[in-house]
């Protein structure tokens, strides 16, 4: 599914860019505790990787939405919501405390769904 976004500011004359998931989930062996998956996103002409980290203790049937669908889909449902907002994070963390989006600026911020 391709999602379109318009660039902000003085570049409004440009064509809309397409955000599209083009690959994943690919399991990644990482030194972090839990499961980590890589998704590939086409952001205009750039291909970006988004890493989804799911805490070790997370079982989908033990949680309500949006955590449940985030765990079941290995983060795809969360990633799609972020792409709808025109945002491509570097990493998404799914823990019992909630969903955290970690961007390229390395500051963590809570996702608002």
PDB file of N, CA and C in Angstrom:
ATOM      1  N   UNK A   1       0.839  -1.167   0.000  1.00  0.00           N
ATOM      2  CA  UNK A   1       0.000   0.000   0.000  1.00  0.00           C
ATOM      3  C   UNK A   1       0.890   1.239   0.000  1.00  0.00           C
ATOM      4  N   UNK A   2       0.696   2.118  -0.931  1.00  0.00           N
ATOM      5  CA  UNK A   2       1.481   3.344  -1.020  1.00  0.00           C
ATOM      6  C   UNK A   2       0.726   4.490  -0.368  1.00  0.00           C
ATOM      7  N   UNK A   3       1.422   5.289   0.394  1.00  0.00           N
ATOM      8  CA  UNK A   3       0.844   6.459   1.042  1.00  0.00           C
ATOM      9  C   UNK A   3       1.534   7.685   0.483  1.00  0.00           C
ATOM     10  N   UNK A   4       0.792   8.728   0.187  1.00  0.00           N
ATOM     11  CA  UNK A   4       1.379   9.936  -0.397  1.00  0.00           C
ATOM     12  C   UNK A   4       1.490  11.019   0.662  1.00  0.00           C
ATOM     13  N   UNK A   5       2.543  11.808   0.551  1.00  0.00           N
ATOM     14  CA  UNK A   5       2.694  12.958   1.420  1.00  0.00           C
ATOM     15  C   UNK A   5       3.220  14.124   0.602  1.00  0.00           C
ATOM     16  N   UNK A   6       2.924  15.310   1.068  1.00  0.00           N
ATOM     17  CA  UNK A   6       3.398  16.515   0.393  1.00  0.00           C
ATOM     18  C   UNK A   6       4.534  17.105   1.212  1.00  0.00           C
ATOM     19  N   UNK A   7       5.624  17.483   0.556  1.00  0.00           N
ATOM     20  CA  UNK A   7       6.709  18.136   1.277  1.00  0.00           C
ATOM     21  C   UNK A   7       6.233  19.478   1.828  1.00  0.00           C
ATOM     22  N   UNK A   8       6.781  19.890   2.938  1.00  0.00           N
ATOM     23  CA  UNK A   8       6.381  21.141   3.576  1.00  0.00           C
ATOM     24  C   UNK A   8       7.228  22.300   3.071  1.00  0.00           C
ATOM     25  N   UNK A   9       6.770  23.505   3.396  1.00  0.00           N
ATOM     26  CA  UNK A   9       7.555  24.700   3.142  1.00  0.00           C
ATOM     27  C   UNK A   9       7.579  25.134   1.698  1.00  0.00           C
ATOM     28  N   UNK A  10       8.697  25.653   1.273  1.00  0.00           N
ATOM     29  CA  UNK A  10       8.804  26.256  -0.051  1.00  0.00           C
ATOM     30  C   UNK A  10       8.789  25.248  -1.189  1.00  0.00           C
ATOM     31  N   UNK A  11       8.819  23.959  -0.894  1.00  0.00           N
ATOM     32  CA  UNK A  11       8.864  22.936  -1.929  1.00  0.00           C
ATOM     33  C   UNK A  11       7.482  22.383  -2.265  1.00  0.00           C
ATOM     34  N   UNK A  12       6.425  23.135  -1.998  1.00  0.00           N
ATOM     35  CA  UNK A  12       5.068  22.651  -2.249  1.00  0.00           C
ATOM     36  C   UNK A  12       4.790  22.402  -3.723  1.00  0.00           C
ATOM     37  N   UNK A  13       5.575  22.974  -4.597  1.00  0.00           N
ATOM     38  CA  UNK A  13       5.376  22.795  -6.028  1.00  0.00           C
ATOM     39  C   UNK A  13       5.799  21.420  -6.504  1.00  0.00           C
ATOM     40  N   UNK A  14       6.575  20.693  -5.697  1.00  0.00           N
ATOM     41  CA  UNK A  14       7.052  19.368  -6.100  1.00  0.00           C
ATOM     42  C   UNK A  14       5.922  18.356  -6.159  1.00  0.00           C
ATOM     43  N   UNK A  15       6.177  17.268  -6.873  1.00  0.00           N
ATOM     44  CA  UNK A  15       5.235  16.159  -6.877  1.00  0.00           C
ATOM     45  C   UNK A  15       5.200  15.544  -5.488  1.00  0.00           C
ATOM     46  N   UNK A  16       4.086  14.868  -5.166  1.00  0.00           N
ATOM     47  CA  UNK A  16       3.991  14.223  -3.871  1.00  0.00           C
ATOM     48  C   UNK A  16       4.942  13.032  -3.821  1.00  0.00           C
ATOM     49  N   UNK A  17       5.507  12.792  -2.666  1.00  0.00           N
ATOM     50  CA  UNK A  17       6.396  11.644  -2.473  1.00  0.00           C
ATOM     51  C   UNK A  17       5.569  10.464  -1.988  1.00  0.00           C
ATOM     52  N   UNK A  18       6.014   9.263  -2.274  1.00  0.00           N
ATOM     53  CA  UNK A  18       5.288   8.067  -1.900  1.00  0.00           C
ATOM     54  C   UNK A  18       6.036   7.352  -0.782  1.00  0.00           C
ATOM     55  N   UNK A  19       5.330   7.077   0.311  1.00  0.00           N
ATOM     56  CA  UNK A  19       5.871   6.254   1.392  1.00  0.00           C
ATOM     57  C   UNK A  19       5.263   4.870   1.242  1.00  0.00           C
ATOM     58  N   UNK A  20       6.112   3.864   1.101  1.00  0.00           N
ATOM     59  CA  UNK A  20       5.612   2.524   0.838  1.00  0.00           C
ATOM     60  C   UNK A  20       6.500   1.498   1.522  1.00  0.00           C
ATOM     61  N   UNK A  21       5.871   0.524   2.193  1.00  0.00           N
ATOM     62  CA  UNK A  21       6.626  -0.594   2.764  1.00  0.00           C
ATOM     63  C   UNK A  21       6.976  -1.520   1.608  1.00  0.00           C
ATOM     64  N   UNK A  22       8.276  -1.754   1.411  1.00  0.00           N
ATOM     65  CA  UNK A  22       8.704  -2.574   0.271  1.00  0.00           C
ATOM     66  C   UNK A  22       9.380  -3.875   0.704  1.00  0.00           C
ATOM     67  N   UNK A  23       9.557  -4.078   2.008  1.00  0.00           N
ATOM     68  CA  UNK A  23      10.182  -5.310   2.474  1.00  0.00           C
ATOM     69  C   UNK A  23      10.017  -5.496   3.958  1.00  0.00           C
ATOM     70  N   UNK A  24      10.011  -6.752   4.392  1.00  0.00           N
ATOM     71  CA  UNK A  24       9.953  -7.057   5.805  1.00  0.00           C
ATOM     72  C   UNK A  24       8.720  -7.871   6.136  1.00  0.00           C
ATOM     73  N   UNK A  25       8.653  -8.352   7.336  1.00  0.00           N
ATOM     74  CA  UNK A  25       9.648  -8.205   8.397  1.00  0.00           C
ATOM     75  C   UNK A  25      10.787  -9.210   8.233  1.00  0.00           C
ATOM     76  N   UNK A  26      11.988  -8.742   8.420  1.00  0.00           N
ATOM     77  CA  UNK A  26      13.168  -9.593   8.401  1.00  0.00           C
ATOM     78  C   UNK A  26      13.707  -9.679   9.819  1.00  0.00           C
ATOM     79  N   UNK A  27      13.736 -10.887  10.413  1.00  0.00           N
ATOM     80  CA  UNK A  27      14.290 -11.005  11.770  1.00  0.00           C
ATOM     81  C   UNK A  27      15.759 -10.608  11.791  1.00  0.00           C
ATOM     82  N   UNK A  28      16.153  -9.841  12.789  1.00  0.00           N
ATOM     83  CA  UNK A  28      17.520  -9.361  12.938  1.00  0.00           C
ATOM     84  C   UNK A  28      18.082  -9.905  14.250  1.00  0.00           C
ATOM     85  N   UNK A  29      19.277 -10.444  14.190  1.00  0.00           N
ATOM     86  CA  UNK A  29      19.957 -10.871  15.416  1.00  0.00           C
ATOM     87  C   UNK A  29      20.647  -9.642  15.993  1.00  0.00           C
ATOM     88  N   UNK A  30      20.151  -9.206  17.128  1.00  0.00           N
ATOM     89  CA  UNK A  30      20.680  -7.985  17.746  1.00  0.00           C
ATOM     90  C   UNK A  30      21.050  -8.267  19.192  1.00  0.00           C
ATOM     91  N   UNK A  31      21.966  -7.482  19.745  1.00  0.00           N
ATOM     92  CA  UNK A  31      22.362  -7.701  21.137  1.00  0.00           C
ATOM     93  C   UNK A  31      21.288  -7.266  22.144  1.00  0.00           C
ATOM     94  N   UNK A  32      20.178  -6.734  21.662  1.00  0.00           N
ATOM     95  CA  UNK A  32      19.098  -6.308  22.553  1.00  0.00           C
ATOM     96  C   UNK A  32      18.243  -7.496  22.951  1.00  0.00           C
ATOM     97  N   UNK A  33      17.644  -7.407  24.131  1.00  0.00           N
ATOM     98  CA  UNK A  33      16.739  -8.456  24.602  1.00  0.00           C
ATOM     99  C   UNK A  33      15.406  -8.309  23.879  1.00  0.00           C
ATOM    100  N   UNK A  34      14.853  -9.401  23.413  1.00  0.00           N
ATOM    101  CA  UNK A  34      13.582  -9.387  22.696  1.00  0.00           C
ATOM    102  C   UNK A  34      13.797  -9.681  21.221  1.00  0.00           C
ATOM    103  N   UNK A  35      12.751  -9.457  20.438  1.00  0.00           N
ATOM    104  CA  UNK A  35      12.801  -9.701  18.998  1.00  0.00           C
ATOM    105  C   UNK A  35      12.972  -8.386  18.255  1.00  0.00           C
ATOM    106  N   UNK A  36      13.811  -8.391  17.235  1.00  0.00           N
ATOM    107  CA  UNK A  36      14.025  -7.207  16.405  1.00  0.00           C
ATOM    108  C   UNK A  36      13.787  -7.579  14.951  1.00  0.00           C
ATOM    109  N   UNK A  37      13.022  -6.734  14.263  1.00  0.00           N
ATOM    110  CA  UNK A  37      12.695  -6.956  12.857  1.00  0.00           C
ATOM    111  C   UNK A  37      13.061  -5.716  12.052  1.00  0.00           C
ATOM    112  N   UNK A  38      13.457  -5.925  10.801  1.00  0.00           N
ATOM    113  CA  UNK A  38      13.763  -4.809   9.909  1.00  0.00           C
ATOM    114  C   UNK A  38      12.695  -4.732   8.829  1.00  0.00           C
ATOM    115  N   UNK A  39      12.198  -3.525   8.609  1.00  0.00           N
ATOM    116  CA  UNK A  39      11.264  -3.240   7.529  1.00  0.00           C
ATOM    117  C   UNK A  39      11.961  -2.280   6.569  1.00  0.00           C
ATOM    118  N   UNK A  40      11.689  -2.410   5.283  1.00  0.00           N
ATOM    119  CA  UNK A  40      12.222  -1.474   4.295  1.00  0.00           C
ATOM    120  C   UNK A  40      11.079  -0.573   3.825  1.00  0.00           C
ATOM    121  N   UNK A  41      11.357   0.733   3.808  1.00  0.00           N
ATOM    122  CA  UNK A  41      10.358   1.725   3.401  1.00  0.00           C
ATOM    123  C   UNK A  41      10.926   2.542   2.252  1.00  0.00           C
ATOM    124  N   UNK A  42      10.146   2.684   1.196  1.00  0.00           N
ATOM    125  CA  UNK A  42      10.516   3.556   0.083  1.00  0.00           C
ATOM    126  C   UNK A  42       9.991   4.945   0.405  1.00  0.00           C
ATOM    127  N   UNK A  43      10.896   5.906   0.564  1.00  0.00           N
ATOM    128  CA  UNK A  43      10.561   7.289   0.895  1.00  0.00           C
ATOM    129  C   UNK A  43      11.020   8.164  -0.261  1.00  0.00           C
ATOM    130  N   UNK A  44      10.124   8.353  -1.230  1.00  0.00           N
ATOM    131  CA  UNK A  44      10.526   9.058  -2.453  1.00  0.00           C
ATOM    132  C   UNK A  44      11.535   8.218  -3.195  1.00  0.00           C
ATOM    133  N   UNK A  45      12.726   8.775  -3.437  1.00  0.00           N
ATOM    134  CA  UNK A  45      13.764   8.011  -4.131  1.00  0.00           C
ATOM    135  C   UNK A  45      14.681   7.276  -3.155  1.00  0.00           C
ATOM    136  N   UNK A  46      14.499   7.495  -1.849  1.00  0.00           N
ATOM    137  CA  UNK A  46      15.367   6.872  -0.837  1.00  0.00           C
ATOM    138  C   UNK A  46      14.720   5.620  -0.248  1.00  0.00           C
ATOM    139  N   UNK A  47      15.542   4.598  -0.041  1.00  0.00           N
ATOM    140  CA  UNK A  47      15.099   3.397   0.670  1.00  0.00           C
ATOM    141  C   UNK A  47      15.606   3.510   2.103  1.00  0.00           C
ATOM    142  N   UNK A  48      14.683   3.427   3.068  1.00  0.00           N
ATOM    143  CA  UNK A  48      15.051   3.550   4.477  1.00  0.00           C
ATOM    144  C   UNK A  48      14.737   2.263   5.205  1.00  0.00           C
ATOM    145  N   UNK A  49      15.528   1.979   6.238  1.00  0.00           N
ATOM    146  CA  UNK A  49      15.291   0.812   7.072  1.00  0.00           C
ATOM    147  C   UNK A  49      14.699   1.280   8.393  1.00  0.00           C
ATOM    148  N   UNK A  50      13.661   0.589   8.827  1.00  0.00           N
ATOM    149  CA  UNK A  50      13.032   0.866  10.119  1.00  0.00           C
ATOM    150  C   UNK A  50      13.155  -0.413  10.936  1.00  0.00           C
ATOM    151  N   UNK A  51      13.686  -0.282  12.137  1.00  0.00           N
ATOM    152  CA  UNK A  51      13.864  -1.435  13.019  1.00  0.00           C
ATOM    153  C   UNK A  51      12.783  -1.420  14.086  1.00  0.00           C
ATOM    154  N   UNK A  52      12.132  -2.570  14.267  1.00  0.00           N
ATOM    155  CA  UNK A  52      11.078  -2.708  15.272  1.00  0.00           C
ATOM    156  C   UNK A  52      11.582  -3.669  16.330  1.00  0.00           C
ATOM    157  N   UNK A  53      11.654  -3.188  17.562  1.00  0.00           N
ATOM    158  CA  UNK A  53      12.112  -3.994  18.681  1.00  0.00           C
ATOM    159  C   UNK A  53      10.905  -4.320  19.559  1.00  0.00           C
ATOM    160  N   UNK A  54      10.658  -5.608  19.777  1.00  0.00           N
ATOM    161  CA  UNK A  54       9.548  -6.064  20.607  1.00  0.00           C
ATOM    162  C   UNK A  54      10.134  -6.715  21.851  1.00  0.00           C
ATOM    163  N   UNK A  55       9.713  -6.225  23.013  1.00  0.00           N
ATOM    164  CA  UNK A  55      10.247  -6.725  24.285  1.00  0.00           C
ATOM    165  C   UNK A  55      10.046  -8.233  24.410  1.00  0.00           C
ATOM    166  N   UNK A  56      10.980  -8.868  25.089  1.00  0.00           N
ATOM    167  CA  UNK A  56      10.983 -10.327  25.226  1.00  0.00           C
ATOM    168  C   UNK A  56       9.704 -10.869  25.857  1.00  0.00           C
ATOM    169  N   UNK A  57       9.145 -10.157  26.808  1.00  0.00           N
ATOM    170  CA  UNK A  57       7.989 -10.653  27.560  1.00  0.00           C
ATOM    171  C   UNK A  57       6.648 -10.378  26.873  1.00  0.00           C
ATOM    172  N   UNK A  58       6.653  -9.799  25.690  1.00  0.00           N
ATOM    173  CA  UNK A  58       5.415  -9.395  25.032  1.00  0.00           C
ATOM    174  C   UNK A  58       4.742 -10.571  24.325  1.00  0.00           C
ATOM    175  N   UNK A  59       3.519 -10.859  24.748  1.00  0.00           N
ATOM    176  CA  UNK A  59       2.667 -11.846  24.079  1.00  0.00           C
ATOM    177  C   UNK A  59       1.391 -11.123  23.701  1.00  0.00           C
ATOM    178  N   UNK A  60       0.998 -11.183  22.449  1.00  0.00           N
ATOM    179  CA  UNK A  60      -0.126 -10.396  21.939  1.00  0.00           C
ATOM    180  C   UNK A  60      -1.414 -10.598  22.724  1.00  0.00           C
ATOM    181  N   UNK A  61      -1.713 -11.855  23.099  1.00  0.00           N
ATOM    182  CA  UNK A  61      -2.986 -12.126  23.770  1.00  0.00           C
ATOM    183  C   UNK A  61      -3.084 -11.513  25.168  1.00  0.00           C
ATOM    184  N   UNK A  62      -2.000 -11.003  25.705  1.00  0.00           N
ATOM    185  CA  UNK A  62      -2.006 -10.410  27.042  1.00  0.00           C
ATOM    186  C   UNK A  62      -2.255  -8.902  27.021  1.00  0.00           C
ATOM    187  N   UNK A  63      -2.414  -8.287  25.834  1.00  0.00           N
ATOM    188  CA  UNK A  63      -2.514  -6.831  25.734  1.00  0.00           C
ATOM    189  C   UNK A  63      -3.707  -6.378  24.913  1.00  0.00           C
ATOM    190  N   UNK A  64      -4.099  -5.124  25.141  1.00  0.00           N
ATOM    191  CA  UNK A  64      -5.162  -4.468  24.379  1.00  0.00           C
ATOM    192  C   UNK A  64      -4.531  -3.748  23.186  1.00  0.00           C
ATOM    193  N   UNK A  65      -5.385  -3.219  22.308  1.00  0.00           N
ATOM    194  CA  UNK A  65      -4.906  -2.425  21.172  1.00  0.00           C
ATOM    195  C   UNK A  65      -4.312  -1.117  21.666  1.00  0.00           C
ATOM    196  N   UNK A  66      -3.354  -0.501  21.024  1.00  0.00           N
ATOM    197  CA  UNK A  66      -2.717  -0.889  19.763  1.00  0.00           C
ATOM    198  C   UNK A  66      -1.541  -1.850  19.950  1.00  0.00           C
ATOM    199  N   UNK A  67      -1.201  -2.177  21.230  1.00  0.00           N
ATOM    200  CA  UNK A  67      -0.071  -3.084  21.455  1.00  0.00           C
ATOM    201  C   UNK A  67      -0.312  -4.454  20.837  1.00  0.00           C
ATOM    202  N   UNK A  68      -1.558  -4.970  20.984  1.00  0.00           N
ATOM    203  CA  UNK A  68      -1.855  -6.312  20.479  1.00  0.00           C
ATOM    204  C   UNK A  68      -1.545  -6.429  18.990  1.00  0.00           C
ATOM    205  N   UNK A  69      -2.076  -5.536  18.169  1.00  0.00           N
ATOM    206  CA  UNK A  69      -1.846  -5.647  16.720  1.00  0.00           C
ATOM    207  C   UNK A  69      -0.398  -5.337  16.357  1.00  0.00           C
ATOM    208  N   UNK A  70       0.267  -4.479  17.137  1.00  0.00           N
ATOM    209  CA  UNK A  70       1.678  -4.189  16.898  1.00  0.00           C
ATOM    210  C   UNK A  70       2.548  -5.415  17.087  1.00  0.00           C
ATOM    211  N   UNK A  71       2.231  -6.207  18.114  1.00  0.00           N
ATOM    212  CA  UNK A  71       2.991  -7.427  18.390  1.00  0.00           C
ATOM    213  C   UNK A  71       2.676  -8.492  17.343  1.00  0.00           C
ATOM    214  N   UNK A  72       1.382  -8.686  17.054  1.00  0.00           N
ATOM    215  CA  UNK A  72       0.966  -9.721  16.104  1.00  0.00           C
ATOM    216  C   UNK A  72       1.530  -9.482  14.710  1.00  0.00           C
ATOM    217  N   UNK A  73       1.604  -8.230  14.301  1.00  0.00           N
ATOM    218  CA  UNK A  73       2.073  -7.915  12.946  1.00  0.00           C
ATOM    219  C   UNK A  73       3.573  -7.618  12.899  1.00  0.00           C
ATOM    220  N   UNK A  74       4.258  -7.853  14.027  1.00  0.00           N
ATOM    221  CA  UNK A  74       5.700  -7.584  14.137  1.00  0.00           C
ATOM    222  C   UNK A  74       6.004  -6.115  13.844  1.00  0.00           C
ATOM    223  N   UNK A  75       5.084  -5.249  14.259  1.00  0.00           N
ATOM    224  CA  UNK A  75       5.272  -3.808  14.140  1.00  0.00           C
ATOM    225  C   UNK A  75       4.706  -3.186  12.886  1.00  0.00           C
ATOM    226  N   UNK A  76       4.200  -3.989  11.959  1.00  0.00           N
ATOM    227  CA  UNK A  76       3.704  -3.422  10.696  1.00  0.00           C
ATOM    228  C   UNK A  76       2.546  -2.463  10.914  1.00  0.00           C
ATOM    229  N   UNK A  77       1.596  -2.797  11.797  1.00  0.00           N
ATOM    230  CA  UNK A  77       0.438  -1.920  12.009  1.00  0.00           C
ATOM    231  C   UNK A  77       0.878  -0.570  12.580  1.00  0.00           C
ATOM    232  N   UNK A  78       1.868  -0.580  13.473  1.00  0.00           N
ATOM    233  CA  UNK A  78       2.392   0.663  14.041  1.00  0.00           C
ATOM    234  C   UNK A  78       3.119   1.457  12.963  1.00  0.00           C
ATOM    235  N   UNK A  79       3.927   0.787  12.173  1.00  0.00           N
ATOM    236  CA  UNK A  79       4.670   1.448  11.103  1.00  0.00           C
ATOM    237  C   UNK A  79       3.718   2.091  10.100  1.00  0.00           C
ATOM    238  N   UNK A  80       2.645   1.403   9.735  1.00  0.00           N
ATOM    239  CA  UNK A  80       1.665   1.973   8.795  1.00  0.00           C
ATOM    240  C   UNK A  80       1.034   3.244   9.354  1.00  0.00           C
ATOM    241  N   UNK A  81       0.702   3.258  10.652  1.00  0.00           N
ATOM    242  CA  UNK A  81       0.134   4.462  11.281  1.00  0.00           C
ATOM    243  C   UNK A  81       1.115   5.627  11.185  1.00  0.00           C
ATOM    244  N   UNK A  82       2.388   5.357  11.446  1.00  0.00           N
ATOM    245  CA  UNK A  82       3.393   6.416  11.374  1.00  0.00           C
ATOM    246  C   UNK A  82       3.568   6.915   9.940  1.00  0.00           C
ATOM    247  N   UNK A  83       3.523   6.002   8.975  1.00  0.00           N
ATOM    248  CA  UNK A  83       3.651   6.400   7.573  1.00  0.00           C
ATOM    249  C   UNK A  83       2.458   7.249   7.136  1.00  0.00           C
ATOM    250  N   UNK A  84       1.273   6.942   7.665  1.00  0.00           N
ATOM    251  CA  UNK A  84       0.095   7.753   7.355  1.00  0.00           C
ATOM    252  C   UNK A  84       0.299   9.191   7.799  1.00  0.00           C
ATOM    253  N   UNK A  85       1.044   9.387   8.876  1.00  0.00           N
ATOM    254  CA  UNK A  85       1.341  10.735   9.380  1.00  0.00           C
ATOM    255  C   UNK A  85       2.515  11.364   8.623  1.00  0.00           C
ATOM    256  N   UNK A  86       3.107  10.621   7.694  1.00  0.00           N
ATOM    257  CA  UNK A  86       4.234  11.144   6.919  1.00  0.00           C
ATOM    258  C   UNK A  86       5.552  11.043   7.652  1.00  0.00           C
ATOM    259  N   UNK A  87       5.656  10.112   8.588  1.00  0.00           N
ATOM    260  CA  UNK A  87       6.843   9.989   9.418  1.00  0.00           C
ATOM    261  C   UNK A  87       7.509   8.634   9.197  1.00  0.00           C
ATOM    262  N   UNK A  88       8.828   8.643   8.993  1.00  0.00           N
ATOM    263  CA  UNK A  88       9.584   7.395   8.858  1.00  0.00           C
ATOM    264  C   UNK A  88      10.626   7.376   9.975  1.00  0.00           C
ATOM    265  N   UNK A  89      10.327   6.682  11.100  1.00  0.00           N
ATOM    266  CA  UNK A  89      11.286   6.641  12.202  1.00  0.00           C
ATOM    267  C   UNK A  89      12.440   5.702  11.897  1.00  0.00           C
ATOM    268  N   UNK A  90      13.481   5.776  12.705  1.00  0.00           N
ATOM    269  CA  UNK A  90      14.606   4.864  12.569  1.00  0.00           C
ATOM    270  C   UNK A  90      14.308   3.549  13.288  1.00  0.00           C
ATOM    271  N   UNK A  91      13.650   3.667  14.448  1.00  0.00           N
ATOM    272  CA  UNK A  91      13.369   2.481  15.256  1.00  0.00           C
ATOM    273  C   UNK A  91      12.063   2.679  16.015  1.00  0.00           C
ATOM    274  N   UNK A  92      11.334   1.581  16.209  1.00  0.00           N
ATOM    275  CA  UNK A  92      10.107   1.567  16.991  1.00  0.00           C
ATOM    276  C   UNK A  92      10.299   0.530  18.089  1.00  0.00           C
ATOM    277  N   UNK A  93      10.014   0.924  19.325  1.00  0.00           N
ATOM    278  CA  UNK A  93      10.122  -0.004  20.455  1.00  0.00           C
ATOM    279  C   UNK A  93       8.722  -0.301  20.968  1.00  0.00           C
ATOM    280  N   UNK A  94       8.391  -1.594  21.087  1.00  0.00           N
ATOM    281  CA  UNK A  94       7.101  -2.013  21.621  1.00  0.00           C
ATOM    282  C   UNK A  94       7.372  -2.741  22.925  1.00  0.00           C
ATOM    283  N   UNK A  95       6.942  -2.121  24.032  1.00  0.00           N
ATOM    284  CA  UNK A  95       7.137  -2.701  25.360  1.00  0.00           C
ATOM    285  C   UNK A  95       5.821  -2.646  26.119  1.00  0.00           C
ATOM    286  N   UNK A  96       5.780  -3.214  27.312  1.00  0.00           N
ATOM    287  CA  UNK A  96       4.562  -3.185  28.115  1.00  0.00           C
ATOM    288  C   UNK A  96       4.179  -1.763  28.514  1.00  0.00           C
ATOM    289  N   UNK A  97       5.120  -0.838  28.478  1.00  0.00           N
ATOM    290  CA  UNK A  97       4.837   0.564  28.794  1.00  0.00           C
ATOM    291  C   UNK A  97       4.208   1.295  27.615  1.00  0.00           C
ATOM    292  N   UNK A  98       4.221   0.711  26.438  1.00  0.00           N
ATOM    293  CA  UNK A  98       3.628   1.334  25.264  1.00  0.00           C
ATOM    294  C   UNK A  98       4.525   1.261  24.054  1.00  0.00           C
ATOM    295  N   UNK A  99       4.249   2.121  23.095  1.00  0.00           N
ATOM    296  CA  UNK A  99       4.977   2.163  21.829  1.00  0.00           C
ATOM    297  C   UNK A  99       5.783   3.447  21.798  1.00  0.00           C
ATOM    298  N   UNK A 100       7.079   3.320  21.523  1.00  0.00           N
ATOM    299  CA  UNK A 100       7.957   4.484  21.468  1.00  0.00           C
ATOM    300  C   UNK A 100       8.607   4.537  20.095  1.00  0.00           C
ATOM    301  N   UNK A 101       8.567   5.708  19.502  1.00  0.00           N
ATOM    302  CA  UNK A 101       9.186   5.945  18.201  1.00  0.00           C
ATOM    303  C   UNK A 101      10.527   6.626  18.456  1.00  0.00           C
ATOM    304  N   UNK A 102      11.592   6.064  17.893  1.00  0.00           N
ATOM    305  CA  UNK A 102      12.924   6.635  18.071  1.00  0.00           C
ATOM    306  C   UNK A 102      13.379   7.135  16.713  1.00  0.00           C
ATOM    307  N   UNK A 103      13.576   8.444  16.584  1.00  0.00           N
ATOM    308  CA  UNK A 103      13.929   9.037  15.299  1.00  0.00           C
ATOM    309  C   UNK A 103      15.419   9.189  15.137  1.00  0.00           C
ATOM    310  N   UNK A 104      15.821   9.783  14.029  1.00  0.00           N
ATOM    311  CA  UNK A 104      17.231   9.967  13.735  1.00  0.00           C
ATOM    312  C   UNK A 104      17.902  10.938  14.700  1.00  0.00           C
ATOM    313  N   UNK A 105      17.124  11.795  15.364  1.00  0.00           N
ATOM    314  CA  UNK A 105      17.727  12.727  16.307  1.00  0.00           C
ATOM    315  C   UNK A 105      17.994  12.064  17.663  1.00  0.00           C
ATOM    316  N   UNK A 106      17.666  10.783  17.780  1.00  0.00           N
ATOM    317  CA  UNK A 106      17.934   9.958  18.963  1.00  0.00           C
ATOM    318  C   UNK A 106      17.129  10.349  20.202  1.00  0.00           C
ATOM    319  N   UNK A 107      16.198  11.306  20.067  1.00  0.00           N
ATOM    320  CA  UNK A 107      15.331  11.621  21.201  1.00  0.00           C
ATOM    321  C   UNK A 107      14.088  10.752  21.122  1.00  0.00           C
ATOM    322  N   UNK A 108      13.714  10.080  22.198  1.00  0.00           N
ATOM    323  CA  UNK A 108      12.553   9.224  22.208  1.00  0.00           C
ATOM    324  C   UNK A 108      11.323  10.057  22.487  1.00  0.00           C
ATOM    325  N   UNK A 109      10.218   9.718  21.789  1.00  0.00           N
ATOM    326  CA  UNK A 109       8.954  10.369  22.053  1.00  0.00           C
ATOM    327  C   UNK A 109       7.845   9.338  21.923  1.00  0.00           C
ATOM    328  N   UNK A 110       6.844   9.466  22.764  1.00  0.00           N
ATOM    329  CA  UNK A 110       5.732   8.524  22.777  1.00  0.00           C
ATOM    330  C   UNK A 110       4.906   8.689  21.514  1.00  0.00           C
ATOM    331  N   UNK A 111       4.417   7.588  20.969  1.00  0.00           N
ATOM    332  CA  UNK A 111       3.546   7.646  19.813  1.00  0.00           C
ATOM    333  C   UNK A 111       2.127   7.953  20.293  1.00  0.00           C
ATOM    334  N   UNK A 112       1.416   8.783  19.569  1.00  0.00           N
ATOM    335  CA  UNK A 112       0.027   9.086  19.939  1.00  0.00           C
ATOM    336  C   UNK A 112      -0.907   8.494  18.897  1.00  0.00           C
ATOM    337  N   UNK A 113      -1.617   7.456  19.297  1.00  0.00           N
ATOM    338  CA  UNK A 113      -2.580   6.805  18.398  1.00  0.00           C
ATOM    339  C   UNK A 113      -3.960   7.059  18.896  1.00  0.00           C
TER     340      UNK A 113
END
